[in-house]
Amino acid sequence: MADRKLANHIRTLRFLQGEMTQADLGARVGVTRQTIAAIESGKYAPTLETAMRIAEAFGKRVDEVFFWQVAP
């Protein structure tokens, strides 16, 4: 199986929500802006609970926000 990493559509979804800031999303989810930045950039994989809260903040399913990306 190819190496995969967890990727996401958070930046795009924030843009579509009227340029929601990382701090705004963090406040809705209950984490810091730094945590959102790390998740968004792929440097940190969220817990299942945090992933579900992020998806809920956008009115999406978890698999509409997070997906596997095959590493080159």
PDB file of N, CA and C in Angstrom:
ATOM      1  N   MET A   1       0.850  -1.185   0.000  1.00  0.00           N
ATOM      2  CA  MET A   1       0.000   0.000   0.000  1.00  0.00           C
ATOM      3  C   MET A   1       0.888   1.238   0.000  1.00  0.00           C
ATOM      4  N   ALA A   2       0.535   2.214  -0.787  1.00  0.00           N
ATOM      5  CA  ALA A   2       1.319   3.449  -0.898  1.00  0.00           C
ATOM      6  C   ALA A   2       1.226   4.253   0.398  1.00  0.00           C
ATOM      7  N   ASP A   3       2.256   5.025   0.654  1.00  0.00           N
ATOM      8  CA  ASP A   3       2.229   5.912   1.819  1.00  0.00           C
ATOM      9  C   ASP A   3       1.136   6.951   1.614  1.00  0.00           C
ATOM     10  N   ARG A   4       0.387   7.173   2.684  1.00  0.00           N
ATOM     11  CA  ARG A   4      -0.691   8.162   2.616  1.00  0.00           C
ATOM     12  C   ARG A   4      -0.583   9.109   3.796  1.00  0.00           C
ATOM     13  N   LYS A   5      -1.087  10.301   3.581  1.00  0.00           N
ATOM     14  CA  LYS A   5      -1.178  11.239   4.692  1.00  0.00           C
ATOM     15  C   LYS A   5      -2.571  11.830   4.716  1.00  0.00           C
ATOM     16  N   LEU A   6      -2.992  12.218   5.891  1.00  0.00           N
ATOM     17  CA  LEU A   6      -4.313  12.801   6.045  1.00  0.00           C
ATOM     18  C   LEU A   6      -4.285  14.240   5.548  1.00  0.00           C
ATOM     19  N   ALA A   7      -5.127  14.551   4.602  1.00  0.00           N
ATOM     20  CA  ALA A   7      -5.237  15.900   4.048  1.00  0.00           C
ATOM     21  C   ALA A   7      -6.652  16.410   4.324  1.00  0.00           C
ATOM     22  N   ASN A   8      -6.883  17.674   3.995  1.00  0.00           N
ATOM     23  CA  ASN A   8      -8.201  18.242   4.299  1.00  0.00           C
ATOM     24  C   ASN A   8      -8.536  19.410   3.377  1.00  0.00           C
ATOM     25  N   HIS A   9      -9.804  19.794   3.450  1.00  0.00           N
ATOM     26  CA  HIS A   9     -10.325  20.925   2.677  1.00  0.00           C
ATOM     27  C   HIS A   9     -10.634  22.124   3.580  1.00  0.00           C
ATOM     28  N   ILE A  10     -10.010  22.192   4.739  1.00  0.00           N
ATOM     29  CA  ILE A  10     -10.363  23.234   5.711  1.00  0.00           C
ATOM     30  C   ILE A  10     -10.177  24.640   5.155  1.00  0.00           C
ATOM     31  N   ARG A  11      -9.057  24.911   4.510  1.00  0.00           N
ATOM     32  CA  ARG A  11      -8.813  26.264   3.974  1.00  0.00           C
ATOM     33  C   ARG A  11      -9.915  26.671   3.001  1.00  0.00           C
ATOM     34  N   THR A  12     -10.259  25.779   2.092  1.00  0.00           N
ATOM     35  CA  THR A  12     -11.316  26.062   1.114  1.00  0.00           C
ATOM     36  C   THR A  12     -12.648  26.291   1.809  1.00  0.00           C
ATOM     37  N   LEU A  13     -12.965  25.446   2.784  1.00  0.00           N
ATOM     38  CA  LEU A  13     -14.233  25.583   3.494  1.00  0.00           C
ATOM     39  C   LEU A  13     -14.283  26.877   4.296  1.00  0.00           C
ATOM     40  N   ARG A  14     -13.164  27.276   4.882  1.00  0.00           N
ATOM     41  CA  ARG A  14     -13.137  28.569   5.589  1.00  0.00           C
ATOM     42  C   ARG A  14     -13.390  29.712   4.608  1.00  0.00           C
ATOM     43  N   PHE A  15     -12.781  29.639   3.429  1.00  0.00           N
ATOM     44  CA  PHE A  15     -12.980  30.666   2.403  1.00  0.00           C
ATOM     45  C   PHE A  15     -14.460  30.744   2.004  1.00  0.00           C
ATOM     46  N   LEU A  16     -15.074  29.588   1.819  1.00  0.00           N
ATOM     47  CA  LEU A  16     -16.478  29.542   1.409  1.00  0.00           C
ATOM     48  C   LEU A  16     -17.431  30.017   2.504  1.00  0.00           C
ATOM     49  N   GLN A  17     -16.940  30.065   3.735  1.00  0.00           N
ATOM     50  CA  GLN A  17     -17.746  30.557   4.861  1.00  0.00           C
ATOM     51  C   GLN A  17     -17.500  32.054   5.091  1.00  0.00           C
ATOM     52  N   GLY A  18     -17.104  32.760   4.050  1.00  0.00           N
ATOM     53  CA  GLY A  18     -16.889  34.198   4.176  1.00  0.00           C
ATOM     54  C   GLY A  18     -15.568  34.526   4.834  1.00  0.00           C
ATOM     55  N   GLU A  19     -14.513  33.782   4.450  1.00  0.00           N
ATOM     56  CA  GLU A  19     -13.171  34.001   5.002  1.00  0.00           C
ATOM     57  C   GLU A  19     -13.141  33.847   6.520  1.00  0.00           C
ATOM     58  N   MET A  20     -13.775  32.790   7.006  1.00  0.00           N
ATOM     59  CA  MET A  20     -13.703  32.466   8.432  1.00  0.00           C
ATOM     60  C   MET A  20     -12.225  32.342   8.819  1.00  0.00           C
ATOM     61  N   THR A  21     -11.840  32.933   9.918  1.00  0.00           N
ATOM     62  CA  THR A  21     -10.445  32.842  10.333  1.00  0.00           C
ATOM     63  C   THR A  21     -10.178  31.525  11.052  1.00  0.00           C
ATOM     64  N   GLN A  22      -8.908  31.185  11.148  1.00  0.00           N
ATOM     65  CA  GLN A  22      -8.527  29.998  11.910  1.00  0.00           C
ATOM     66  C   GLN A  22      -8.950  30.165  13.370  1.00  0.00           C
ATOM     67  N   ALA A  23      -8.839  31.380  13.886  1.00  0.00           N
ATOM     68  CA  ALA A  23      -9.250  31.644  15.273  1.00  0.00           C
ATOM     69  C   ALA A  23     -10.751  31.437  15.451  1.00  0.00           C
ATOM     70  N   ASP A  24     -11.546  31.888  14.476  1.00  0.00           N
ATOM     71  CA  ASP A  24     -13.000  31.686  14.536  1.00  0.00           C
ATOM     72  C   ASP A  24     -13.342  30.203  14.554  1.00  0.00           C
ATOM     73  N   LEU A  25     -12.710  29.452  13.656  1.00  0.00           N
ATOM     74  CA  LEU A  25     -12.965  28.012  13.608  1.00  0.00           C
ATOM     75  C   LEU A  25     -12.518  27.355  14.897  1.00  0.00           C
ATOM     76  N   GLY A  26     -11.360  27.734  15.398  1.00  0.00           N
ATOM     77  CA  GLY A  26     -10.876  27.175  16.657  1.00  0.00           C
ATOM     78  C   GLY A  26     -11.849  27.418  17.798  1.00  0.00           C
ATOM     79  N   ALA A  27     -12.405  28.618  17.857  1.00  0.00           N
ATOM     80  CA  ALA A  27     -13.373  28.946  18.905  1.00  0.00           C
ATOM     81  C   ALA A  27     -14.622  28.082  18.786  1.00  0.00           C
ATOM     82  N   ARG A  28     -15.070  27.843  17.569  1.00  0.00           N
ATOM     83  CA  ARG A  28     -16.255  26.999  17.359  1.00  0.00           C
ATOM     84  C   ARG A  28     -15.995  25.543  17.744  1.00  0.00           C
ATOM     85  N   VAL A  29     -14.770  25.104  17.506  1.00  0.00           N
ATOM     86  CA  VAL A  29     -14.415  23.699  17.723  1.00  0.00           C
ATOM     87  C   VAL A  29     -13.908  23.444  19.144  1.00  0.00           C
ATOM     88  N   GLY A  30     -13.363  24.482  19.786  1.00  0.00           N
ATOM     89  CA  GLY A  30     -12.837  24.327  21.136  1.00  0.00           C
ATOM     90  C   GLY A  30     -11.346  24.033  21.171  1.00  0.00           C
ATOM     91  N   VAL A  31     -10.625  24.504  20.148  1.00  0.00           N
ATOM     92  CA  VAL A  31      -9.171  24.362  20.104  1.00  0.00           C
ATOM     93  C   VAL A  31      -8.565  25.718  19.759  1.00  0.00           C
ATOM     94  N   THR A  32      -7.248  25.811  19.830  1.00  0.00           N
ATOM     95  CA  THR A  32      -6.585  27.082  19.540  1.00  0.00           C
ATOM     96  C   THR A  32      -6.436  27.316  18.038  1.00  0.00           C
ATOM     97  N   ARG A  33      -6.158  28.558  17.685  1.00  0.00           N
ATOM     98  CA  ARG A  33      -5.876  28.900  16.291  1.00  0.00           C
ATOM     99  C   ARG A  33      -4.668  28.120  15.804  1.00  0.00           C
ATOM    100  N   GLN A  34      -3.683  27.945  16.667  1.00  0.00           N
ATOM    101  CA  GLN A  34      -2.475  27.212  16.298  1.00  0.00           C
ATOM    102  C   GLN A  34      -2.789  25.753  15.964  1.00  0.00           C
ATOM    103  N   THR A  35      -3.708  25.157  16.697  1.00  0.00           N
ATOM    104  CA  THR A  35      -4.110  23.777  16.414  1.00  0.00           C
ATOM    105  C   THR A  35      -4.789  23.697  15.056  1.00  0.00           C
ATOM    106  N   ILE A  36      -5.682  24.635  14.764  1.00  0.00           N
ATOM    107  CA  ILE A  36      -6.342  24.654  13.454  1.00  0.00           C
ATOM    108  C   ILE A  36      -5.305  24.826  12.355  1.00  0.00           C
ATOM    109  N   ALA A  37      -4.342  25.730  12.559  1.00  0.00           N
ATOM    110  CA  ALA A  37      -3.295  25.962  11.555  1.00  0.00           C
ATOM    111  C   ALA A  37      -2.502  24.683  11.307  1.00  0.00           C
ATOM    112  N   ALA A  38      -2.159  23.957  12.364  1.00  0.00           N
ATOM    113  CA  ALA A  38      -1.390  22.721  12.220  1.00  0.00           C
ATOM    114  C   ALA A  38      -2.197  21.637  11.514  1.00  0.00           C
ATOM    115  N   ILE A  39      -3.473  21.517  11.834  1.00  0.00           N
ATOM    116  CA  ILE A  39      -4.336  20.539  11.167  1.00  0.00           C
ATOM    117  C   ILE A  39      -4.488  20.911   9.696  1.00  0.00           C
ATOM    118  N   GLU A  40      -4.786  22.174   9.440  1.00  0.00           N
ATOM    119  CA  GLU A  40      -5.008  22.657   8.074  1.00  0.00           C
ATOM    120  C   GLU A  40      -3.791  22.423   7.188  1.00  0.00           C
ATOM    121  N   SER A  41      -2.602  22.603   7.740  1.00  0.00           N
ATOM    122  CA  SER A  41      -1.373  22.438   6.953  1.00  0.00           C
ATOM    123  C   SER A  41      -0.907  20.990   6.871  1.00  0.00           C
ATOM    124  N   GLY A  42      -1.597  20.090   7.551  1.00  0.00           N
ATOM    125  CA  GLY A  42      -1.230  18.685   7.501  1.00  0.00           C
ATOM    126  C   GLY A  42      -0.102  18.297   8.432  1.00  0.00           C
ATOM    127  N   LYS A  43       0.271  19.190   9.337  1.00  0.00           N
ATOM    128  CA  LYS A  43       1.351  18.902  10.280  1.00  0.00           C
ATOM    129  C   LYS A  43       0.868  18.148  11.504  1.00  0.00           C
ATOM    130  N   TYR A  44      -0.444  18.094  11.684  1.00  0.00           N
ATOM    131  CA  TYR A  44      -1.028  17.456  12.864  1.00  0.00           C
ATOM    132  C   TYR A  44      -2.337  16.792  12.446  1.00  0.00           C
ATOM    133  N   ALA A  45      -2.519  15.547  12.833  1.00  0.00           N
ATOM    134  CA  ALA A  45      -3.775  14.836  12.565  1.00  0.00           C
ATOM    135  C   ALA A  45      -4.691  15.018  13.777  1.00  0.00           C
ATOM    136  N   PRO A  46      -5.891  15.507  13.561  1.00  0.00           N
ATOM    137  CA  PRO A  46      -6.794  15.751  14.691  1.00  0.00           C
ATOM    138  C   PRO A  46      -7.320  14.449  15.279  1.00  0.00           C
ATOM    139  N   THR A  47      -7.772  14.535  16.520  1.00  0.00           N
ATOM    140  CA  THR A  47      -8.483  13.407  17.108  1.00  0.00           C
ATOM    141  C   THR A  47      -9.799  13.240  16.346  1.00  0.00           C
ATOM    142  N   LEU A  48     -10.413  12.108  16.487  1.00  0.00           N
ATOM    143  CA  LEU A  48     -11.699  11.880  15.829  1.00  0.00           C
ATOM    144  C   LEU A  48     -12.728  12.901  16.303  1.00  0.00           C
ATOM    145  N   GLU A  49     -12.723  13.192  17.585  1.00  0.00           N
ATOM    146  CA  GLU A  49     -13.676  14.165  18.120  1.00  0.00           C
ATOM    147  C   GLU A  49     -13.462  15.545  17.501  1.00  0.00           C
ATOM    148  N   THR A  50     -12.221  15.978  17.410  1.00  0.00           N
ATOM    149  CA  THR A  50     -11.937  17.283  16.808  1.00  0.00           C
ATOM    150  C   THR A  50     -12.297  17.295  15.332  1.00  0.00           C
ATOM    151  N   ALA A  51     -11.995  16.224  14.626  1.00  0.00           N
ATOM    152  CA  ALA A  51     -12.353  16.133  13.208  1.00  0.00           C
ATOM    153  C   ALA A  51     -13.860  16.233  13.028  1.00  0.00           C
ATOM    154  N   MET A  52     -14.600  15.568  13.900  1.00  0.00           N
ATOM    155  CA  MET A  52     -16.060  15.620  13.808  1.00  0.00           C
ATOM    156  C   MET A  52     -16.584  17.021  14.123  1.00  0.00           C
ATOM    157  N   ARG A  53     -15.972  17.688  15.076  1.00  0.00           N
ATOM    158  CA  ARG A  53     -16.397  19.056  15.410  1.00  0.00           C
ATOM    159  C   ARG A  53     -16.087  20.032  14.278  1.00  0.00           C
ATOM    160  N   ILE A  54     -14.935  19.844  13.628  1.00  0.00           N
ATOM    161  CA  ILE A  54     -14.587  20.690  12.486  1.00  0.00           C
ATOM    162  C   ILE A  54     -15.601  20.483  11.365  1.00  0.00           C
ATOM    163  N   ALA A  55     -15.897  19.227  11.046  1.00  0.00           N
ATOM    164  CA  ALA A  55     -16.873  18.933   9.996  1.00  0.00           C
ATOM    165  C   ALA A  55     -18.230  19.536  10.340  1.00  0.00           C
ATOM    166  N   GLU A  56     -18.636  19.391  11.592  1.00  0.00           N
ATOM    167  CA  GLU A  56     -19.922  19.935  12.039  1.00  0.00           C
ATOM    168  C   GLU A  56     -19.968  21.456  11.898  1.00  0.00           C
ATOM    169  N   ALA A  57     -18.845  22.129  12.161  1.00  0.00           N
ATOM    170  CA  ALA A  57     -18.791  23.589  12.042  1.00  0.00           C
ATOM    171  C   ALA A  57     -19.080  24.046  10.616  1.00  0.00           C
ATOM    172  N   PHE A  58     -18.770  23.177   9.641  1.00  0.00           N
ATOM    173  CA  PHE A  58     -19.022  23.505   8.235  1.00  0.00           C
ATOM    174  C   PHE A  58     -20.298  22.863   7.703  1.00  0.00           C
ATOM    175  N   GLY A  59     -21.011  22.100   8.540  1.00  0.00           N
ATOM    176  CA  GLY A  59     -22.214  21.412   8.084  1.00  0.00           C
ATOM    177  C   GLY A  59     -21.888  20.290   7.109  1.00  0.00           C
ATOM    178  N   LYS A  60     -20.732  19.660   7.295  1.00  0.00           N
ATOM    179  CA  LYS A  60     -20.260  18.603   6.397  1.00  0.00           C
ATOM    180  C   LYS A  60     -20.043  17.310   7.163  1.00  0.00           C
ATOM    181  N   ARG A  61     -19.934  16.208   6.404  1.00  0.00           N
ATOM    182  CA  ARG A  61     -19.514  14.928   6.977  1.00  0.00           C
ATOM    183  C   ARG A  61     -17.996  14.951   7.109  1.00  0.00           C
ATOM    184  N   VAL A  62     -17.460  14.136   7.994  1.00  0.00           N
ATOM    185  CA  VAL A  62     -16.007  14.080   8.191  1.00  0.00           C
ATOM    186  C   VAL A  62     -15.294  13.764   6.883  1.00  0.00           C
ATOM    187  N   ASP A  63     -15.841  12.834   6.090  1.00  0.00           N
ATOM    188  CA  ASP A  63     -15.169  12.457   4.838  1.00  0.00           C
ATOM    189  C   ASP A  63     -15.294  13.520   3.742  1.00  0.00           C
ATOM    190  N   GLU A  64     -16.072  14.558   3.977  1.00  0.00           N
ATOM    191  CA  GLU A  64     -16.124  15.683   3.051  1.00  0.00           C
ATOM    192  C   GLU A  64     -15.071  16.739   3.400  1.00  0.00           C
ATOM    193  N   VAL A  65     -14.507  16.624   4.597  1.00  0.00           N
ATOM    194  CA  VAL A  65     -13.491  17.571   5.051  1.00  0.00           C
ATOM    195  C   VAL A  65     -12.095  16.941   5.000  1.00  0.00           C
ATOM    196  N   PHE A  66     -11.995  15.692   5.442  1.00  0.00           N
ATOM    197  CA  PHE A  66     -10.708  15.002   5.526  1.00  0.00           C
ATOM    198  C   PHE A  66     -10.655  13.865   4.518  1.00  0.00           C
ATOM    199  N   PHE A  67      -9.465  13.631   3.965  1.00  0.00           N
ATOM    200  CA  PHE A  67      -9.302  12.555   2.975  1.00  0.00           C
ATOM    201  C   PHE A  67      -7.851  12.100   2.976  1.00  0.00           C
ATOM    202  N   TRP A  68      -7.611  10.909   2.426  1.00  0.00           N
ATOM    203  CA  TRP A  68      -6.254  10.377   2.286  1.00  0.00           C
ATOM    204  C   TRP A  68      -5.619  10.952   1.028  1.00  0.00           C
ATOM    205  N   GLN A  69      -4.396  11.350   1.149  1.00  0.00           N
ATOM    206  CA  GLN A  69      -3.614  11.833   0.011  1.00  0.00           C
ATOM    207  C   GLN A  69      -2.413  10.916  -0.134  1.00  0.00           C
ATOM    208  N   VAL A  70      -2.211  10.389  -1.320  1.00  0.00           N
ATOM    209  CA  VAL A  70      -1.083   9.495  -1.562  1.00  0.00           C
ATOM    210  C   VAL A  70       0.193  10.328  -1.640  1.00  0.00           C
ATOM    211  N   ALA A  71       1.162   9.943  -0.819  1.00  0.00           N
ATOM    212  CA  ALA A  71       2.453  10.653  -0.826  1.00  0.00           C
ATOM    213  C   ALA A  71       3.259  10.241  -2.049  1.00  0.00           C
ATOM    214  N   PRO A  72       3.960  11.182  -2.683  1.00  0.00           N
ATOM    215  CA  PRO A  72       4.753  10.857  -3.867  1.00  0.00           C
ATOM    216  C   PRO A  72       5.941   9.963  -3.538  1.00  0.00           C
TER     217      PRO A  72
END
